Amino acid sequence: MSGHSKWSTIKRKKGAADAKRGKIFTKLIREIATAARIGGGELDANPRLRLVVDKAKSANMPKDNIERAIKKGAGGVEGESYEEFVYEGYGPGGVAVLIETLSDNKNRTVGDVRHVLTKHGGNLGASGCVAYLFEKKGMITFESVGLDADGLMEAALDLGAEDVTESGDTLDVVTTPGEFSAVNDGLSERDFRATNAEISMVPSTTVDLSGPGAEKMLRILDALEDLDDVQHVYANFEISDEEMAKFA
């Protein structure tokens, strides 16, 4: 598992008791409203909306909040309209950073992203400078403790998954974006309960980081994720469990 994935796992575990929970809800509401605006408010007819609603439920967002965000996005309630912008850049050691945002003010967002990268030893790059290093994949994550790993692997591959990878106390079922929903639903029907399921950008190559470089990179991830307009951050670095434990 790459460093950014380990960091995301740690953040999810902290999230239930973390003061940033309200910020997580705010980001999810934006994502729900945007998905509903683009593809309509019916979950069965809008895979993107269904995915983010599932994510919101996993984060224990109240049902009323979810329904209100869908109604807002689908046109039932007046409000802000957010656009999607993707930024690319570099972190310490040449780490590639891909940043997905939803914003109602592009100038503000790009300024905030540039500031964070520069402050922590990175820099904003031109469009296309690192995107080719990432591939869109479905990622379905399970806690390995008490899990029938062999059964999960057999079921996942039978349902059409590409691979099952293990790192520390988690297992990731990897799928193509097209097979993601079928595999995720199939595993759930077989009583395998995921801790997280999303369409993610997976790096094709990684950079090993340690010491000050690792610390700076993790600070970049944390600071970018704190920005209201940033929805997802991906980076192609590897970091040891021992190094990661310093920041857990």
Protein backbone atom coordinates (compact mmCIF):
# COMPACT_ATOMS: atom_id res chain seq x y z
CA MET A 1 0.00 0.00 0.00
CA SER A 2 1.40 3.40 -0.92
CA GLY A 3 2.06 6.05 1.68
CA HIS A 4 -0.98 8.15 0.81
CA SER A 5 -3.21 5.09 1.22
CA LYS A 6 -1.75 4.32 4.64
CA TRP A 7 -2.32 7.93 5.66
CA SER A 8 -5.93 7.79 4.46
CA THR A 9 -6.49 4.63 6.50
CA ILE A 10 -5.14 6.31 9.62
CA LYS A 11 -7.31 9.37 8.99
CA ARG A 12 -10.41 7.18 8.64
CA LYS A 13 -9.69 5.43 11.93
CA LYS A 14 -9.22 8.77 13.68
CA GLY A 15 -12.25 10.29 11.99
CA ALA A 16 -14.97 9.03 14.34
CA ALA A 17 -13.46 10.92 17.28
CA ASP A 18 -11.75 13.67 15.33
CA ALA A 19 -12.70 17.33 15.54
CA LYS A 20 -12.57 17.47 11.73
CA ARG A 21 -15.70 15.38 11.35
CA GLY A 22 -17.76 18.44 10.50
CA LYS A 23 -15.34 19.28 7.70
CA ILE A 24 -15.71 15.74 6.34
CA PHE A 25 -19.48 16.19 6.25
CA THR A 26 -19.11 19.52 4.44
CA LYS A 27 -16.97 17.89 1.74
CA LEU A 28 -19.39 14.99 1.37
CA ILE A 29 -22.36 17.36 1.04
CA ARG A 30 -20.58 19.17 -1.79
CA GLU A 31 -19.80 15.87 -3.48
CA ILE A 32 -23.37 14.58 -3.13
CA ALA A 33 -24.87 17.82 -4.46
CA THR A 34 -22.46 17.88 -7.41
CA ALA A 35 -23.11 14.24 -8.30
CA ALA A 36 -26.88 14.86 -8.15
CA ARG A 37 -26.57 17.99 -10.29
CA ILE A 38 -24.59 16.16 -12.98
CA GLY A 39 -26.40 12.82 -13.05
CA GLY A 40 -29.75 13.36 -11.32
CA GLY A 41 -31.03 12.45 -7.87
CA GLU A 42 -31.94 8.77 -8.42
CA LEU A 43 -29.37 6.45 -6.84
CA ASP A 44 -30.12 3.52 -9.15
CA ALA A 45 -29.57 5.66 -12.24
CA ASN A 46 -26.55 7.58 -10.95
CA PRO A 47 -23.58 5.36 -9.92
CA ARG A 48 -21.49 8.33 -8.86
CA LEU A 49 -24.20 9.57 -6.51
CA ARG A 50 -24.75 6.11 -5.11
CA LEU A 51 -21.03 5.78 -4.36
CA VAL A 52 -20.77 9.05 -2.46
CA VAL A 53 -24.02 8.37 -0.57
CA ASP A 54 -22.56 5.04 0.55
CA LYS A 55 -19.46 6.92 1.67
CA ALA A 56 -21.59 9.41 3.60
CA LYS A 57 -23.46 6.59 5.32
CA SER A 58 -20.14 4.99 6.29
CA ALA A 59 -19.17 8.32 7.85
CA ASN A 60 -22.44 8.25 9.85
CA MET A 61 -23.88 11.31 8.14
CA PRO A 62 -27.54 11.77 9.13
CA LYS A 63 -30.09 10.68 6.54
CA ASP A 64 -31.70 14.13 6.48
CA ASN A 65 -28.37 15.74 5.54
CA ILE A 66 -27.92 13.29 2.67
CA GLU A 67 -31.44 13.79 1.32
CA ARG A 68 -31.13 17.58 1.59
CA ALA A 69 -27.84 17.53 -0.35
CA ILE A 70 -29.37 15.36 -3.09
CA LYS A 71 -32.38 17.67 -3.38
CA LYS A 72 -30.12 20.71 -3.50
CA GLY A 73 -27.96 19.25 -6.25
CA ALA A 74 -30.87 17.96 -8.31
CA GLY A 75 -32.40 21.42 -8.40
CA GLY A 76 -34.88 21.34 -5.56
CA VAL A 77 -33.08 23.92 -3.42
CA GLU A 78 -31.24 27.07 -4.47
CA GLY A 79 -27.59 27.27 -3.47
CA GLU A 80 -23.99 27.30 -4.59
CA SER A 81 -22.89 25.41 -7.69
CA TYR A 82 -19.48 23.77 -7.53
CA GLU A 83 -17.19 22.92 -10.42
CA GLU A 84 -14.58 20.19 -10.56
CA PHE A 85 -10.93 21.17 -10.96
CA VAL A 86 -7.88 18.90 -10.86
CA TYR A 87 -4.45 20.21 -9.91
CA GLU A 88 -1.11 18.48 -10.28
CA GLY A 89 2.21 19.06 -8.62
CA TYR A 90 5.19 17.67 -6.78
CA GLY A 91 6.13 17.03 -3.18
CA PRO A 92 9.53 16.38 -1.57
CA GLY A 93 11.73 13.92 -3.45
CA GLY A 94 9.78 14.41 -6.68
CA VAL A 95 6.63 12.73 -5.34
CA ALA A 96 3.72 13.19 -7.77
CA VAL A 97 0.63 14.80 -6.22
CA LEU A 98 -2.85 14.77 -7.81
CA ILE A 99 -5.50 16.95 -6.18
CA GLU A 100 -9.23 16.76 -6.98
CA THR A 101 -11.33 19.74 -5.90
CA LEU A 102 -14.91 21.05 -5.96
CA SER A 103 -14.97 24.82 -5.91
CA ASP A 104 -17.16 27.86 -6.51
CA ASN A 105 -14.06 30.04 -6.90
CA LYS A 106 -11.21 28.62 -8.99
CA ASN A 107 -8.82 31.49 -8.23
CA ARG A 108 -9.19 30.98 -4.50
CA THR A 109 -8.72 27.22 -4.78
CA VAL A 110 -5.60 27.29 -6.93
CA GLY A 111 -4.10 29.93 -4.63
CA ASP A 112 -4.76 27.81 -1.54
CA VAL A 113 -3.35 24.65 -3.18
CA ARG A 114 -0.23 26.47 -4.39
CA HIS A 115 0.36 27.95 -0.93
CA VAL A 116 0.19 24.56 0.80
CA LEU A 117 2.54 22.89 -1.65
CA THR A 118 5.09 25.71 -1.54
CA LYS A 119 4.96 26.03 2.25
CA HIS A 120 5.89 22.36 2.72
CA GLY A 121 8.59 21.99 0.08
CA GLY A 122 6.51 21.13 -2.97
CA ASN A 123 5.32 23.03 -6.02
CA LEU A 124 2.32 23.28 -8.32
CA GLY A 125 2.87 21.89 -11.81
CA ALA A 126 1.27 22.22 -15.23
CA SER A 127 -1.80 20.23 -16.24
CA GLY A 128 -0.76 16.73 -17.29
CA CYS A 129 2.60 16.73 -15.54
CA VAL A 130 1.79 13.80 -13.22
CA ALA A 131 -1.70 12.51 -14.16
CA TYR A 132 -0.18 9.84 -16.41
CA LEU A 133 1.39 8.24 -13.34
CA PHE A 134 -2.03 7.33 -11.89
CA GLU A 135 -4.76 4.92 -12.98
CA LYS A 136 -8.39 4.97 -11.85
CA LYS A 137 -9.30 1.85 -9.86
CA GLY A 138 -12.01 0.67 -7.52
CA MET A 139 -10.61 0.10 -4.02
CA ILE A 140 -12.61 -1.84 -1.42
CA THR A 141 -10.88 -1.99 1.96
CA PHE A 142 -11.40 -4.55 4.75
CA GLU A 143 -9.93 -4.89 8.23
CA SER A 144 -7.99 -8.16 8.27
CA VAL A 145 -8.56 -8.95 11.97
CA GLY A 146 -11.14 -11.73 12.19
CA LEU A 147 -11.55 -11.77 8.42
CA ASP A 148 -11.60 -14.92 6.29
CA ALA A 149 -8.90 -13.61 3.96
CA ASP A 150 -8.88 -16.69 1.73
CA GLY A 151 -12.65 -16.58 1.44
CA LEU A 152 -12.57 -12.88 0.62
CA MET A 153 -9.95 -13.37 -2.08
CA GLU A 154 -11.84 -16.26 -3.64
CA ALA A 155 -15.13 -14.34 -3.61
CA ALA A 156 -13.57 -11.13 -4.94
CA LEU A 157 -11.84 -12.80 -7.87
CA ASP A 158 -14.97 -14.81 -8.64
CA LEU A 159 -16.95 -11.55 -8.78
CA GLY A 160 -14.51 -9.96 -11.22
CA ALA A 161 -11.91 -8.19 -9.05
CA GLU A 162 -8.44 -7.67 -10.52
CA ASP A 163 -6.45 -8.32 -7.35
CA VAL A 164 -6.47 -8.47 -3.55
CA THR A 165 -3.52 -6.85 -1.76
CA GLU A 166 -2.55 -6.92 1.91
CA SER A 167 -0.79 -4.26 3.96
CA GLY A 168 -0.59 -4.29 7.73
CA ASP A 169 -4.06 -4.88 9.15
CA THR A 170 -6.00 -4.19 5.96
CA LEU A 171 -6.83 -5.95 2.70
CA ASP A 172 -7.70 -4.04 -0.47
CA VAL A 173 -9.82 -5.53 -3.22
CA VAL A 174 -8.80 -3.85 -6.48
CA THR A 175 -11.25 -3.58 -9.40
CA THR A 176 -11.71 -1.71 -12.64
CA PRO A 177 -14.09 1.24 -12.30
CA GLY A 178 -16.64 -0.64 -14.41
CA GLU A 179 -16.65 -3.70 -12.14
CA PHE A 180 -16.51 -1.76 -8.87
CA SER A 181 -20.23 -1.70 -8.03
CA ALA A 182 -20.80 -5.37 -8.92
CA VAL A 183 -17.83 -6.52 -6.83
CA ASN A 184 -18.67 -4.27 -3.89
CA ASP A 185 -22.34 -5.32 -3.87
CA GLY A 186 -21.43 -8.98 -4.34
CA LEU A 187 -19.02 -8.98 -1.40
CA SER A 188 -21.59 -7.26 0.79
CA GLU A 189 -24.17 -9.90 -0.14
CA ARG A 190 -21.67 -12.54 0.95
CA ASP A 191 -21.35 -10.80 4.36
CA PHE A 192 -17.94 -9.23 3.76
CA ARG A 193 -18.26 -5.75 5.28
CA ALA A 194 -15.87 -3.16 3.87
CA THR A 195 -14.53 -0.31 6.00
CA ASN A 196 -14.17 1.86 2.90
CA ALA A 197 -15.10 1.59 -0.77
CA GLU A 198 -14.28 4.20 -3.40
CA ILE A 199 -13.02 4.90 -6.89
CA SER A 200 -9.41 5.96 -6.37
CA MET A 201 -6.38 7.03 -8.39
CA VAL A 202 -3.70 4.38 -7.91
CA PRO A 203 -0.05 5.20 -8.76
CA SER A 204 1.79 3.06 -11.31
CA THR A 205 5.18 3.84 -9.73
CA THR A 206 6.16 5.04 -6.27
CA VAL A 207 8.93 6.99 -4.55
CA ASP A 208 10.41 5.76 -1.25
CA LEU A 209 10.41 8.41 1.48
CA SER A 210 11.82 8.49 4.98
CA GLY A 211 12.95 11.01 7.58
CA PRO A 212 12.34 14.72 6.89
CA GLY A 213 11.06 14.01 3.36
CA ALA A 214 8.37 11.67 4.69
CA GLU A 215 7.38 14.16 7.36
CA LYS A 216 7.06 16.99 4.83
CA MET A 217 4.97 14.82 2.51
CA LEU A 218 2.57 13.84 5.27
CA ARG A 219 2.26 17.50 6.28
CA ILE A 220 1.35 18.33 2.68
CA LEU A 221 -1.37 15.65 2.65
CA ASP A 222 -2.77 16.84 5.97
CA ALA A 223 -2.77 20.51 4.95
CA LEU A 224 -4.33 19.83 1.54
CA GLU A 225 -7.08 17.68 3.06
CA ASP A 226 -7.83 20.53 5.48
CA LEU A 227 -8.76 22.83 2.59
CA ASP A 228 -12.53 23.09 2.17
CA ASP A 229 -12.34 22.85 -1.63
CA VAL A 230 -10.14 19.72 -1.74
CA GLN A 231 -12.05 16.45 -2.07
CA HIS A 232 -9.31 13.88 -2.74
CA VAL A 233 -5.50 13.88 -2.71
CA TYR A 234 -3.35 11.18 -4.27
CA ALA A 235 0.44 10.85 -4.09
CA ASN A 236 2.84 8.18 -5.34
CA PHE A 237 5.11 7.57 -2.37
CA GLU A 238 5.98 4.63 -0.16
CA ILE A 239 6.70 4.93 3.54
CA SER A 240 7.48 2.26 6.15
CA ASP A 241 5.01 1.31 8.86
CA GLU A 242 7.58 2.41 11.45
CA GLU A 243 7.84 5.84 9.84
CA MET A 244 4.07 6.14 9.52
CA ALA A 245 3.60 5.26 13.20
CA LYS A 246 5.26 8.54 14.13
CA PHE A 247 2.34 10.42 12.62
CA ALA A 248 -0.55 8.11 13.55
